[in-house]
Amino acid sequence: MKINKAEFVMSNTDVSKAPQEALPEYAFIGRSNVGKSSLINMLTNQKKLAKTSGTPGKTQLINHFKINDDWFLVDLPGYGYAKTSKSSRKKFQKLITDYFLKRPNMVNAFVLVDERHEPQKIDMEFMRWLGEHGIPFSIVFTKADKLSSNELGKNLRKYKMKFLQEWQSMPKTFVTSATSKLGKDEILNYIERLNENLKDEIPKIMAQKNEKK
């Protein structure tokens, strides 16, 4: 897939006010400072589509970006930043759970994980929650350029071993670098295949949702 058009549509804290167009959505989420904004900008060939910051926890809203007029890329708040107040963490948690539980056209969650670190408890807990609620997800390992090929392979094996202690198999995984653009084509081609498979289903799902209102 080649992205020719990427535009910001809206930010909000109320899932019910998100776009009502019958288009598939792909959510990007991870711990604060995992490199989410940089990855989104890399995928969309933009420098400032998603705002990057040296201060973790800057994304505090549900941000919708329309891609090629065909699908939405959704930038969700990061989770697990200790310096965020308890009340803010609770608000973000509700925002995230509401989104995943109430958006019928959400096709896949891309869970970003910093490849430089050992498997983190908070990441494992979040993916466990997605699994318990039947929400499809993939793992996106970020910042691969910060490691040697040997270190990268070693860390990936550790993560797989940890994951398979709880799961029967690994979900779809991607190794990425916002700097070198590693993994860009793989992610976009994956989204393109899913879109093709769902082109007739999403309008039906959205129509059924509107009928229930």
N, C-alpha and C. Protein backbone atom coordinates (compact mmCIF):
# COMPACT_ATOMS: atom_id res chain seq x y z
N MET A 1 0.84 -1.20 0.00
CA MET A 1 0.00 0.00 0.00
C MET A 1 0.87 1.25 0.00
N LYS A 2 0.50 2.21 -0.81
CA LYS A 2 1.16 3.50 -0.81
C LYS A 2 0.20 4.55 -0.28
N ILE A 3 0.64 5.30 0.72
CA ILE A 3 -0.22 6.34 1.29
C ILE A 3 -0.02 7.64 0.53
N ASN A 4 -1.08 8.06 -0.14
CA ASN A 4 -1.04 9.30 -0.92
C ASN A 4 -1.70 10.46 -0.18
N LYS A 5 -2.53 10.13 0.80
CA LYS A 5 -3.27 11.17 1.52
C LYS A 5 -3.46 10.76 2.97
N ALA A 6 -3.09 11.63 3.86
CA ALA A 6 -3.27 11.40 5.30
C ALA A 6 -3.67 12.72 5.93
N GLU A 7 -4.86 12.75 6.49
CA GLU A 7 -5.35 14.01 7.04
C GLU A 7 -5.96 13.81 8.43
N PHE A 8 -5.70 14.78 9.28
CA PHE A 8 -6.31 14.78 10.61
C PHE A 8 -7.79 15.07 10.48
N VAL A 9 -8.61 14.29 11.20
CA VAL A 9 -10.06 14.47 11.14
C VAL A 9 -10.59 15.06 12.44
N MET A 10 -10.27 14.45 13.56
CA MET A 10 -10.77 14.98 14.83
C MET A 10 -10.06 14.35 16.02
N SER A 11 -10.16 15.05 17.15
CA SER A 11 -9.73 14.54 18.45
C SER A 11 -10.92 14.63 19.38
N ASN A 12 -11.08 13.66 20.24
CA ASN A 12 -12.16 13.73 21.21
C ASN A 12 -11.92 12.81 22.39
N THR A 13 -12.74 12.97 23.41
CA THR A 13 -12.68 12.11 24.59
C THR A 13 -13.97 11.31 24.73
N ASP A 14 -14.82 11.36 23.72
CA ASP A 14 -16.11 10.68 23.75
C ASP A 14 -16.21 9.79 22.52
N VAL A 15 -16.16 8.48 22.74
CA VAL A 15 -16.18 7.53 21.63
C VAL A 15 -17.42 7.69 20.76
N SER A 16 -18.53 8.07 21.36
CA SER A 16 -19.78 8.21 20.60
C SER A 16 -19.71 9.33 19.57
N LYS A 17 -18.74 10.24 19.75
CA LYS A 17 -18.61 11.36 18.82
C LYS A 17 -17.53 11.12 17.76
N ALA A 18 -16.97 9.92 17.74
CA ALA A 18 -15.96 9.58 16.74
C ALA A 18 -16.63 9.50 15.37
N PRO A 19 -15.85 9.53 14.29
CA PRO A 19 -16.43 9.49 12.94
C PRO A 19 -17.39 8.32 12.75
N GLN A 20 -18.49 8.59 12.05
CA GLN A 20 -19.51 7.57 11.84
C GLN A 20 -19.45 6.96 10.44
N GLU A 21 -18.41 7.28 9.70
CA GLU A 21 -18.26 6.73 8.36
C GLU A 21 -18.00 5.22 8.41
N ALA A 22 -18.50 4.52 7.43
CA ALA A 22 -18.35 3.06 7.37
C ALA A 22 -16.98 2.69 6.81
N LEU A 23 -15.95 3.03 7.57
CA LEU A 23 -14.58 2.73 7.16
C LEU A 23 -13.88 1.93 8.26
N PRO A 24 -12.99 1.03 7.89
CA PRO A 24 -12.25 0.27 8.91
C PRO A 24 -11.29 1.16 9.68
N GLU A 25 -11.06 0.80 10.95
CA GLU A 25 -10.15 1.57 11.80
C GLU A 25 -9.04 0.67 12.33
N TYR A 26 -7.87 1.24 12.46
CA TYR A 26 -6.72 0.54 13.00
C TYR A 26 -6.13 1.40 14.11
N ALA A 27 -6.11 0.85 15.31
CA ALA A 27 -5.68 1.63 16.47
C ALA A 27 -4.21 1.36 16.80
N PHE A 28 -3.49 2.42 17.15
CA PHE A 28 -2.09 2.30 17.55
C PHE A 28 -1.99 2.74 19.01
N ILE A 29 -1.41 1.87 19.82
CA ILE A 29 -1.38 2.13 21.26
C ILE A 29 -0.16 1.46 21.87
N GLY A 30 0.32 2.02 22.97
CA GLY A 30 1.45 1.43 23.67
C GLY A 30 1.78 2.25 24.90
N ARG A 31 2.76 1.79 25.64
CA ARG A 31 3.19 2.55 26.80
C ARG A 31 3.71 3.92 26.36
N SER A 32 3.61 4.89 27.25
CA SER A 32 4.10 6.22 26.93
C SER A 32 5.58 6.17 26.56
N ASN A 33 5.94 6.97 25.59
CA ASN A 33 7.33 7.11 25.14
C ASN A 33 7.83 5.87 24.39
N VAL A 34 6.92 5.10 23.80
CA VAL A 34 7.32 3.90 23.07
C VAL A 34 7.68 4.22 21.61
N GLY A 35 7.42 5.48 21.20
CA GLY A 35 7.74 5.87 19.84
C GLY A 35 6.55 5.82 18.90
N LYS A 36 5.35 5.95 19.47
CA LYS A 36 4.12 5.83 18.67
C LYS A 36 3.98 6.94 17.64
N SER A 37 4.16 8.17 18.06
CA SER A 37 3.99 9.28 17.13
C SER A 37 5.00 9.22 15.99
N SER A 38 6.23 8.87 16.31
CA SER A 38 7.26 8.75 15.28
C SER A 38 6.92 7.64 14.29
N LEU A 39 6.38 6.55 14.80
CA LEU A 39 5.99 5.44 13.92
C LEU A 39 4.85 5.85 13.00
N ILE A 40 3.85 6.53 13.55
CA ILE A 40 2.71 6.98 12.75
C ILE A 40 3.17 7.93 11.65
N ASN A 41 4.05 8.85 11.99
CA ASN A 41 4.57 9.79 10.99
C ASN A 41 5.35 9.05 9.90
N MET A 42 6.10 8.05 10.30
CA MET A 42 6.85 7.26 9.32
C MET A 42 5.92 6.50 8.38
N LEU A 43 4.89 5.89 8.93
CA LEU A 43 3.95 5.11 8.12
C LEU A 43 3.21 5.98 7.11
N THR A 44 2.91 7.21 7.51
CA THR A 44 2.08 8.08 6.67
C THR A 44 2.89 9.06 5.82
N ASN A 45 4.21 8.94 5.86
CA ASN A 45 5.09 9.84 5.09
C ASN A 45 4.93 11.30 5.51
N GLN A 46 4.64 11.51 6.78
CA GLN A 46 4.47 12.86 7.30
C GLN A 46 5.52 13.13 8.38
N LYS A 47 5.80 14.40 8.60
CA LYS A 47 6.74 14.76 9.66
C LYS A 47 6.03 15.17 10.95
N LYS A 48 4.81 15.71 10.80
CA LYS A 48 4.14 16.24 11.98
C LYS A 48 2.66 15.86 12.04
N LEU A 49 2.27 14.77 11.36
CA LEU A 49 0.86 14.36 11.43
C LEU A 49 0.50 14.03 12.88
N ALA A 50 1.31 13.19 13.50
CA ALA A 50 1.15 12.92 14.93
C ALA A 50 2.23 13.71 15.66
N LYS A 51 1.84 14.40 16.70
CA LYS A 51 2.77 15.26 17.41
C LYS A 51 3.72 14.44 18.27
N THR A 52 5.01 14.67 18.09
CA THR A 52 6.01 13.98 18.90
C THR A 52 6.49 14.93 19.99
N SER A 53 6.94 14.34 21.08
CA SER A 53 7.39 15.15 22.21
C SER A 53 8.37 14.37 23.05
N GLY A 54 9.30 15.08 23.68
CA GLY A 54 10.21 14.44 24.60
C GLY A 54 9.56 14.17 25.93
N THR A 55 8.36 14.67 26.12
CA THR A 55 7.62 14.45 27.37
C THR A 55 6.61 13.33 27.17
N PRO A 56 6.78 12.19 27.85
CA PRO A 56 5.84 11.08 27.71
C PRO A 56 4.44 11.49 28.13
N GLY A 57 3.46 10.83 27.53
CA GLY A 57 2.07 11.05 27.93
C GLY A 57 1.40 12.24 27.29
N LYS A 58 1.92 12.75 26.16
CA LYS A 58 1.34 13.93 25.54
C LYS A 58 0.04 13.63 24.81
N THR A 59 -0.11 12.40 24.27
CA THR A 59 -1.36 12.04 23.61
C THR A 59 -2.41 11.77 24.68
N GLN A 60 -3.43 12.61 24.73
CA GLN A 60 -4.45 12.48 25.78
C GLN A 60 -5.86 12.38 25.20
N LEU A 61 -5.94 12.22 23.89
CA LEU A 61 -7.24 12.15 23.22
C LEU A 61 -7.25 11.00 22.23
N ILE A 62 -8.46 10.67 21.76
CA ILE A 62 -8.58 9.75 20.63
C ILE A 62 -8.41 10.58 19.37
N ASN A 63 -7.38 10.30 18.61
CA ASN A 63 -7.09 11.08 17.40
C ASN A 63 -7.35 10.24 16.16
N HIS A 64 -8.24 10.72 15.31
CA HIS A 64 -8.57 10.02 14.07
C HIS A 64 -7.89 10.69 12.88
N PHE A 65 -7.20 9.88 12.08
CA PHE A 65 -6.60 10.34 10.83
C PHE A 65 -7.17 9.50 9.69
N LYS A 66 -7.66 10.16 8.65
CA LYS A 66 -8.19 9.42 7.51
C LYS A 66 -7.07 9.21 6.49
N ILE A 67 -6.93 7.95 6.08
CA ILE A 67 -5.85 7.57 5.18
C ILE A 67 -6.40 7.17 3.81
N ASN A 68 -5.94 7.87 2.77
CA ASN A 68 -6.35 7.58 1.39
C ASN A 68 -7.87 7.56 1.20
N ASP A 69 -8.58 8.21 2.11
CA ASP A 69 -10.05 8.24 2.09
C ASP A 69 -10.65 6.84 2.22
N ASP A 70 -9.83 5.87 2.65
CA ASP A 70 -10.27 4.47 2.69
C ASP A 70 -10.37 3.89 4.09
N TRP A 71 -9.58 4.41 5.03
CA TRP A 71 -9.57 3.85 6.38
C TRP A 71 -9.05 4.88 7.38
N PHE A 72 -9.29 4.59 8.65
CA PHE A 72 -8.84 5.49 9.72
C PHE A 72 -7.68 4.88 10.49
N LEU A 73 -6.68 5.68 10.71
CA LEU A 73 -5.61 5.36 11.65
C LEU A 73 -5.97 6.09 12.93
N VAL A 74 -6.02 5.37 14.05
CA VAL A 74 -6.45 5.95 15.33
C VAL A 74 -5.28 5.95 16.31
N ASP A 75 -4.93 7.12 16.76
CA ASP A 75 -3.83 7.31 17.72
C ASP A 75 -4.45 7.43 19.10
N LEU A 76 -4.18 6.45 19.95
CA LEU A 76 -4.77 6.41 21.29
C LEU A 76 -3.76 6.83 22.36
N PRO A 77 -4.24 7.31 23.51
CA PRO A 77 -3.34 7.70 24.60
C PRO A 77 -2.46 6.53 25.04
N GLY A 78 -1.23 6.85 25.42
CA GLY A 78 -0.35 5.83 25.97
C GLY A 78 -0.79 5.43 27.37
N TYR A 79 -0.33 4.29 27.80
CA TYR A 79 -0.70 3.83 29.14
C TYR A 79 0.56 3.58 29.96
N GLY A 80 0.40 3.68 31.27
CA GLY A 80 1.48 3.27 32.16
C GLY A 80 2.54 4.30 32.47
N TYR A 81 2.25 5.58 32.27
CA TYR A 81 3.26 6.59 32.62
C TYR A 81 3.09 7.02 34.07
N ALA A 82 4.07 6.71 34.89
CA ALA A 82 3.95 6.87 36.34
C ALA A 82 3.70 8.30 36.78
N LYS A 83 4.22 9.30 36.02
CA LYS A 83 4.09 10.69 36.46
C LYS A 83 2.73 11.29 36.13
N THR A 84 1.89 10.52 35.42
CA THR A 84 0.54 11.00 35.18
C THR A 84 -0.26 10.81 36.46
N SER A 85 -1.09 11.78 36.79
CA SER A 85 -1.85 11.69 38.03
C SER A 85 -2.79 10.48 38.01
N LYS A 86 -3.16 10.02 39.19
CA LYS A 86 -4.04 8.86 39.30
C LYS A 86 -5.37 9.11 38.62
N SER A 87 -5.91 10.32 38.77
CA SER A 87 -7.19 10.64 38.14
C SER A 87 -7.06 10.65 36.61
N SER A 88 -5.92 11.14 36.11
CA SER A 88 -5.70 11.16 34.67
C SER A 88 -5.55 9.75 34.12
N ARG A 89 -4.83 8.89 34.86
CA ARG A 89 -4.66 7.51 34.42
C ARG A 89 -6.02 6.81 34.35
N LYS A 90 -6.87 7.08 35.32
CA LYS A 90 -8.20 6.48 35.33
C LYS A 90 -9.02 6.96 34.14
N LYS A 91 -8.90 8.25 33.83
CA LYS A 91 -9.63 8.82 32.69
C LYS A 91 -9.15 8.21 31.38
N PHE A 92 -7.82 8.10 31.23
CA PHE A 92 -7.26 7.52 30.01
C PHE A 92 -7.67 6.06 29.87
N GLN A 93 -7.69 5.35 31.00
CA GLN A 93 -8.07 3.94 30.97
C GLN A 93 -9.49 3.78 30.47
N LYS A 94 -10.40 4.62 30.95
CA LYS A 94 -11.79 4.56 30.50
C LYS A 94 -11.89 4.91 29.02
N LEU A 95 -11.12 5.90 28.60
CA LEU A 95 -11.11 6.31 27.21
C LEU A 95 -10.69 5.15 26.31
N ILE A 96 -9.65 4.44 26.72
CA ILE A 96 -9.12 3.32 25.94
C ILE A 96 -10.10 2.16 25.91
N THR A 97 -10.62 1.78 27.08
CA THR A 97 -11.54 0.64 27.11
C THR A 97 -12.84 0.96 26.37
N ASP A 98 -13.34 2.17 26.50
CA ASP A 98 -14.55 2.56 25.77
C ASP A 98 -14.33 2.43 24.27
N TYR A 99 -13.17 2.89 23.82
CA TYR A 99 -12.90 2.83 22.39
C TYR A 99 -12.93 1.38 21.90
N PHE A 100 -12.18 0.51 22.55
CA PHE A 100 -12.09 -0.87 22.08
C PHE A 100 -13.40 -1.65 22.21
N LEU A 101 -14.18 -1.31 23.21
CA LEU A 101 -15.42 -2.05 23.43
C LEU A 101 -16.60 -1.51 22.63
N LYS A 102 -16.49 -0.27 22.14
CA LYS A 102 -17.64 0.37 21.51
C LYS A 102 -17.47 0.72 20.04
N ARG A 103 -16.31 0.45 19.46
CA ARG A 103 -16.09 0.77 18.05
C ARG A 103 -16.19 -0.51 17.21
N PRO A 104 -17.35 -0.76 16.60
CA PRO A 104 -17.55 -2.01 15.85
C PRO A 104 -16.68 -2.12 14.60
N ASN A 105 -16.20 -0.99 14.10
CA ASN A 105 -15.37 -1.02 12.88
C ASN A 105 -13.88 -1.02 13.18
N MET A 106 -13.51 -1.22 14.45
CA MET A 106 -12.10 -1.34 14.82
C MET A 106 -11.63 -2.73 14.40
N VAL A 107 -10.75 -2.79 13.44
CA VAL A 107 -10.33 -4.06 12.85
C VAL A 107 -9.17 -4.70 13.61
N ASN A 108 -8.19 -3.88 13.99
CA ASN A 108 -6.99 -4.44 14.61
C ASN A 108 -6.30 -3.38 15.47
N ALA A 109 -5.81 -3.82 16.61
CA ALA A 109 -5.02 -2.93 17.47
C ALA A 109 -3.55 -3.28 17.28
N PHE A 110 -2.75 -2.27 16.97
CA PHE A 110 -1.31 -2.45 16.89
C PHE A 110 -0.72 -2.02 18.23
N VAL A 111 -0.27 -2.99 19.00
CA VAL A 111 0.28 -2.71 20.33
C VAL A 111 1.78 -2.52 20.20
N LEU A 112 2.25 -1.32 20.51
CA LEU A 112 3.67 -0.99 20.34
C LEU A 112 4.46 -1.36 21.59
N VAL A 113 5.58 -2.01 21.37
CA VAL A 113 6.45 -2.47 22.45
C VAL A 113 7.89 -2.05 22.14
N ASP A 114 8.56 -1.44 23.08
CA ASP A 114 9.95 -1.03 22.90
C ASP A 114 10.84 -2.27 22.91
N GLU A 115 11.44 -2.56 21.76
CA GLU A 115 12.22 -3.79 21.61
C GLU A 115 13.47 -3.82 22.49
N ARG A 116 13.88 -2.69 23.03
CA ARG A 116 15.11 -2.64 23.82
C ARG A 116 14.93 -3.23 25.21
N HIS A 117 13.68 -3.41 25.63
CA HIS A 117 13.43 -3.82 27.02
C HIS A 117 12.89 -5.25 27.13
N GLU A 118 13.05 -5.81 28.30
CA GLU A 118 12.45 -7.10 28.61
C GLU A 118 10.93 -6.96 28.56
N PRO A 119 10.21 -8.08 28.39
CA PRO A 119 8.74 -8.00 28.42
C PRO A 119 8.25 -7.30 29.68
N GLN A 120 7.43 -6.28 29.51
CA GLN A 120 6.94 -5.48 30.63
C GLN A 120 5.57 -5.98 31.09
N LYS A 121 5.37 -5.99 32.39
CA LYS A 121 4.13 -6.48 32.97
C LYS A 121 2.92 -5.73 32.43
N ILE A 122 3.03 -4.42 32.31
CA ILE A 122 1.88 -3.63 31.88
C ILE A 122 1.49 -3.93 30.43
N ASP A 123 2.49 -4.22 29.58
CA ASP A 123 2.19 -4.61 28.20
C ASP A 123 1.48 -5.96 28.17
N MET A 124 1.98 -6.89 28.94
CA MET A 124 1.38 -8.23 28.97
C MET A 124 -0.04 -8.17 29.50
N GLU A 125 -0.27 -7.33 30.52
CA GLU A 125 -1.61 -7.20 31.09
C GLU A 125 -2.58 -6.60 30.07
N PHE A 126 -2.10 -5.62 29.32
CA PHE A 126 -2.97 -4.98 28.34
C PHE A 126 -3.33 -5.95 27.22
N MET A 127 -2.35 -6.71 26.73
CA MET A 127 -2.65 -7.68 25.69
C MET A 127 -3.54 -8.80 26.20
N ARG A 128 -3.38 -9.15 27.46
CA ARG A 128 -4.27 -10.15 28.06
C ARG A 128 -5.71 -9.63 28.07
N TRP A 129 -5.88 -8.35 28.40
CA TRP A 129 -7.22 -7.74 28.40
C TRP A 129 -7.82 -7.76 26.99
N LEU A 130 -7.01 -7.43 25.99
CA LEU A 130 -7.50 -7.48 24.61
C LEU A 130 -7.97 -8.89 24.25
N GLY A 131 -7.15 -9.87 24.62
CA GLY A 131 -7.50 -11.27 24.32
C GLY A 131 -8.76 -11.70 25.01
N GLU A 132 -8.91 -11.32 26.27
CA GLU A 132 -10.10 -11.70 27.04
C GLU A 132 -11.37 -11.12 26.44
N HIS A 133 -11.24 -9.99 25.76
CA HIS A 133 -12.41 -9.34 25.16
C HIS A 133 -12.53 -9.60 23.66
N GLY A 134 -11.72 -10.53 23.18
CA GLY A 134 -11.82 -10.92 21.77
C GLY A 134 -11.45 -9.83 20.79
N ILE A 135 -10.52 -8.96 21.18
CA ILE A 135 -10.12 -7.84 20.32
C ILE A 135 -8.85 -8.21 19.57
N PRO A 136 -8.88 -8.27 18.25
CA PRO A 136 -7.70 -8.64 17.47
C PRO A 136 -6.56 -7.64 17.66
N PHE A 137 -5.34 -8.16 17.79
CA PHE A 137 -4.21 -7.25 17.94
C PHE A 137 -2.94 -7.86 17.34
N SER A 138 -2.02 -6.98 17.03
CA SER A 138 -0.69 -7.35 16.57
C SER A 138 0.32 -6.65 17.47
N ILE A 139 1.53 -7.19 17.52
CA ILE A 139 2.59 -6.56 18.30
C ILE A 139 3.56 -5.87 17.34
N VAL A 140 3.84 -4.61 17.63
CA VAL A 140 4.80 -3.84 16.83
C VAL A 140 5.99 -3.51 17.71
N PHE A 141 7.12 -4.14 17.44
CA PHE A 141 8.34 -3.85 18.18
C PHE A 141 8.98 -2.60 17.58
N THR A 142 9.22 -1.60 18.42
CA THR A 142 9.75 -0.32 17.94
C THR A 142 11.23 -0.17 18.29
N LYS A 143 11.84 0.82 17.66
CA LYS A 143 13.22 1.24 17.95
C LYS A 143 14.24 0.14 17.70
N ALA A 144 13.98 -0.68 16.66
CA ALA A 144 14.89 -1.78 16.34
C ALA A 144 16.28 -1.28 15.95
N ASP A 145 16.36 -0.04 15.46
CA ASP A 145 17.66 0.51 15.04
C ASP A 145 18.59 0.77 16.22
N LYS A 146 18.04 0.72 17.43
CA LYS A 146 18.86 0.97 18.62
C LYS A 146 19.63 -0.29 19.05
N LEU A 147 19.36 -1.42 18.39
CA LEU A 147 19.98 -2.68 18.78
C LEU A 147 20.76 -3.28 17.62
N SER A 148 21.76 -4.10 17.96
CA SER A 148 22.46 -4.86 16.94
C SER A 148 21.55 -6.02 16.52
N SER A 149 21.85 -6.65 15.41
CA SER A 149 21.02 -7.77 14.94
C SER A 149 21.01 -8.90 15.95
N ASN A 150 22.13 -9.14 16.62
CA ASN A 150 22.19 -10.20 17.63
C ASN A 150 21.32 -9.86 18.84
N GLU A 151 21.41 -8.61 19.29
CA GLU A 151 20.60 -8.18 20.43
C GLU A 151 19.12 -8.23 20.08
N LEU A 152 18.79 -7.82 18.87
CA LEU A 152 17.41 -7.82 18.41
C LEU A 152 16.85 -9.24 18.43
N GLY A 153 17.59 -10.17 17.86
CA GLY A 153 17.14 -11.56 17.83
C GLY A 153 16.97 -12.14 19.23
N LYS A 154 17.91 -11.82 20.11
CA LYS A 154 17.86 -12.31 21.49
C LYS A 154 16.63 -11.80 22.21
N ASN A 155 16.36 -10.50 22.07
CA ASN A 155 15.21 -9.92 22.74
C ASN A 155 13.89 -10.44 22.19
N LEU A 156 13.84 -10.66 20.88
CA LEU A 156 12.63 -11.22 20.28
C LEU A 156 12.35 -12.63 20.79
N ARG A 157 13.39 -13.42 20.94
CA ARG A 157 13.22 -14.78 21.47
C ARG A 157 12.73 -14.75 22.91
N LYS A 158 13.26 -13.82 23.71
CA LYS A 158 12.81 -13.68 25.10
C LYS A 158 11.33 -13.32 25.15
N TYR A 159 10.95 -12.40 24.29
CA TYR A 159 9.55 -11.97 24.29
C TYR A 159 8.64 -13.11 23.89
N LYS A 160 9.05 -13.87 22.88
CA LYS A 160 8.23 -15.00 22.43
C LYS A 160 8.08 -16.03 23.53
N MET A 161 9.18 -16.33 24.24
CA MET A 161 9.12 -17.30 25.33
C MET A 161 8.16 -16.84 26.42
N LYS A 162 8.23 -15.55 26.77
CA LYS A 162 7.35 -15.00 27.80
C LYS A 162 5.90 -15.05 27.34
N PHE A 163 5.65 -14.67 26.10
CA PHE A 163 4.29 -14.62 25.57
C PHE A 163 3.67 -16.01 25.53
N LEU A 164 4.44 -17.01 25.12
CA LEU A 164 3.91 -18.36 24.97
C LEU A 164 3.69 -19.07 26.31
N GLN A 165 4.09 -18.44 27.39
CA GLN A 165 3.76 -18.98 28.71
C GLN A 165 2.27 -18.83 28.99
N GLU A 166 1.62 -17.87 28.34
CA GLU A 166 0.20 -17.61 28.56
C GLU A 166 -0.66 -17.88 27.33
N TRP A 167 -0.06 -17.79 26.14
CA TRP A 167 -0.82 -17.88 24.90
C TRP A 167 -0.40 -19.12 24.12
N GLN A 168 -1.31 -19.63 23.31
CA GLN A 168 -1.00 -20.81 22.50
C GLN A 168 -0.11 -20.48 21.32
N SER A 169 -0.19 -19.26 20.83
CA SER A 169 0.64 -18.87 19.70
C SER A 169 0.86 -17.36 19.73
N MET A 170 1.85 -16.92 18.99
CA MET A 170 2.13 -15.49 18.89
C MET A 170 1.17 -14.84 17.92
N PRO A 171 0.75 -13.60 18.20
CA PRO A 171 -0.04 -12.85 17.21
C PRO A 171 0.88 -12.39 16.08
N LYS A 172 0.33 -11.75 15.10
CA LYS A 172 1.13 -11.17 14.03
C LYS A 172 2.09 -10.16 14.64
N THR A 173 3.37 -10.22 14.28
CA THR A 173 4.34 -9.30 14.85
C THR A 173 5.09 -8.55 13.75
N PHE A 174 5.53 -7.33 14.10
CA PHE A 174 6.29 -6.50 13.17
C PHE A 174 7.49 -5.91 13.92
N VAL A 175 8.62 -5.88 13.27
CA VAL A 175 9.81 -5.24 13.82
C VAL A 175 10.01 -3.94 13.05
N THR A 176 10.08 -2.82 13.76
CA THR A 176 10.08 -1.52 13.08
C THR A 176 11.15 -0.57 13.60
N SER A 177 11.42 0.41 12.77
CA SER A 177 12.28 1.54 13.15
C SER A 177 11.75 2.76 12.43
N ALA A 178 11.39 3.78 13.17
CA ALA A 178 10.92 5.02 12.56
C ALA A 178 12.05 5.73 11.83
N THR A 179 13.28 5.46 12.23
CA THR A 179 14.44 6.09 11.62
C THR A 179 14.78 5.48 10.27
N SER A 180 14.87 4.16 10.21
CA SER A 180 15.24 3.48 8.98
C SER A 180 14.04 3.05 8.12
N LYS A 181 12.83 3.24 8.68
CA LYS A 181 11.58 2.84 8.01
C LYS A 181 11.42 1.33 7.90
N LEU A 182 12.17 0.61 8.71
CA LEU A 182 12.02 -0.84 8.78
C LEU A 182 10.60 -1.19 9.21
N GLY A 183 9.97 -2.12 8.53
CA GLY A 183 8.63 -2.59 8.89
C GLY A 183 7.50 -1.81 8.28
N LYS A 184 7.80 -0.70 7.63
CA LYS A 184 6.74 0.15 7.07
C LYS A 184 5.89 -0.60 6.05
N ASP A 185 6.54 -1.20 5.06
CA ASP A 185 5.79 -1.89 4.01
C ASP A 185 5.00 -3.07 4.57
N GLU A 186 5.60 -3.77 5.53
CA GLU A 186 4.93 -4.94 6.11
C GLU A 186 3.62 -4.55 6.80
N ILE A 187 3.66 -3.47 7.58
CA ILE A 187 2.45 -3.03 8.28
C ILE A 187 1.39 -2.54 7.30
N LEU A 188 1.79 -1.70 6.36
CA LEU A 188 0.82 -1.14 5.41
C LEU A 188 0.24 -2.22 4.50
N ASN A 189 1.05 -3.18 4.08
CA ASN A 189 0.52 -4.27 3.25
C ASN A 189 -0.44 -5.15 4.03
N TYR A 190 -0.16 -5.32 5.33
CA TYR A 190 -1.05 -6.09 6.19
C TYR A 190 -2.41 -5.40 6.30
N ILE A 191 -2.39 -4.09 6.51
CA ILE A 191 -3.63 -3.32 6.58
C ILE A 191 -4.37 -3.40 5.25
N GLU A 192 -3.65 -3.32 4.16
CA GLU A 192 -4.28 -3.38 2.84
C GLU A 192 -5.00 -4.72 2.63
N ARG A 193 -4.37 -5.81 3.06
CA ARG A 193 -5.01 -7.13 2.92
C ARG A 193 -6.27 -7.22 3.77
N LEU A 194 -6.21 -6.71 5.00
CA LEU A 194 -7.38 -6.74 5.87
C LEU A 194 -8.51 -5.89 5.29
N ASN A 195 -8.15 -4.73 4.76
CA ASN A 195 -9.16 -3.85 4.15
C ASN A 195 -9.87 -4.55 2.99
N GLU A 196 -9.10 -5.24 2.19
CA GLU A 196 -9.67 -5.93 1.04
C GLU A 196 -10.64 -7.03 1.50
N ASN A 197 -10.27 -7.74 2.55
CA ASN A 197 -11.12 -8.81 3.06
C ASN A 197 -12.40 -8.29 3.70
N LEU A 198 -12.35 -7.04 4.19
CA LEU A 198 -13.47 -6.50 4.95
C LEU A 198 -14.27 -5.43 4.21
N LYS A 199 -13.97 -5.22 2.95
CA LYS A 199 -14.59 -4.09 2.24
C LYS A 199 -16.11 -4.17 2.19
N ASP A 200 -16.68 -5.36 2.25
CA ASP A 200 -18.13 -5.49 2.22
C ASP A 200 -18.73 -5.64 3.62
N GLU A 201 -17.89 -5.94 4.61
CA GLU A 201 -18.38 -6.22 5.96
C GLU A 201 -18.56 -4.98 6.81
N ILE A 202 -17.62 -4.04 6.73
CA ILE A 202 -17.67 -2.85 7.58
C ILE A 202 -18.96 -2.06 7.39
N PRO A 203 -19.41 -1.79 6.15
CA PRO A 203 -20.67 -1.06 5.98
C PRO A 203 -21.84 -1.78 6.64
N LYS A 204 -21.86 -3.10 6.60
CA LYS A 204 -22.94 -3.87 7.23
C LYS A 204 -22.90 -3.71 8.75
N ILE A 205 -21.69 -3.78 9.29
CA ILE A 205 -21.51 -3.66 10.74
C ILE A 205 -21.97 -2.29 11.22
N MET A 206 -21.60 -1.23 10.51
CA MET A 206 -21.98 0.11 10.89
C MET A 206 -23.47 0.32 10.74
N ALA A 207 -24.06 -0.28 9.72
CA ALA A 207 -25.52 -0.16 9.52
C ALA A 207 -26.26 -0.83 10.67
N GLN A 208 -25.78 -1.98 11.11
CA GLN A 208 -26.41 -2.68 12.23
C GLN A 208 -26.29 -1.86 13.50
N LYS A 209 -25.16 -1.20 13.69
CA LYS A 209 -24.98 -0.35 14.87
C LYS A 209 -25.99 0.78 14.87
N ASN A 210 -26.17 1.43 13.72
CA ASN A 210 -27.10 2.56 13.62
C ASN A 210 -28.54 2.12 13.83
N GLU A 211 -28.87 0.91 13.43
CA GLU A 211 -30.22 0.39 13.61
C GLU A 211 -30.56 0.20 15.08
N LYS A 212 -29.53 -0.08 15.89
CA LYS A 212 -29.74 -0.33 17.31
C LYS A 212 -29.91 0.94 18.12
N LYS A 213 -29.57 2.09 17.53
CA LYS A 213 -29.67 3.35 18.27
C LYS A 213 -31.13 3.72 18.52
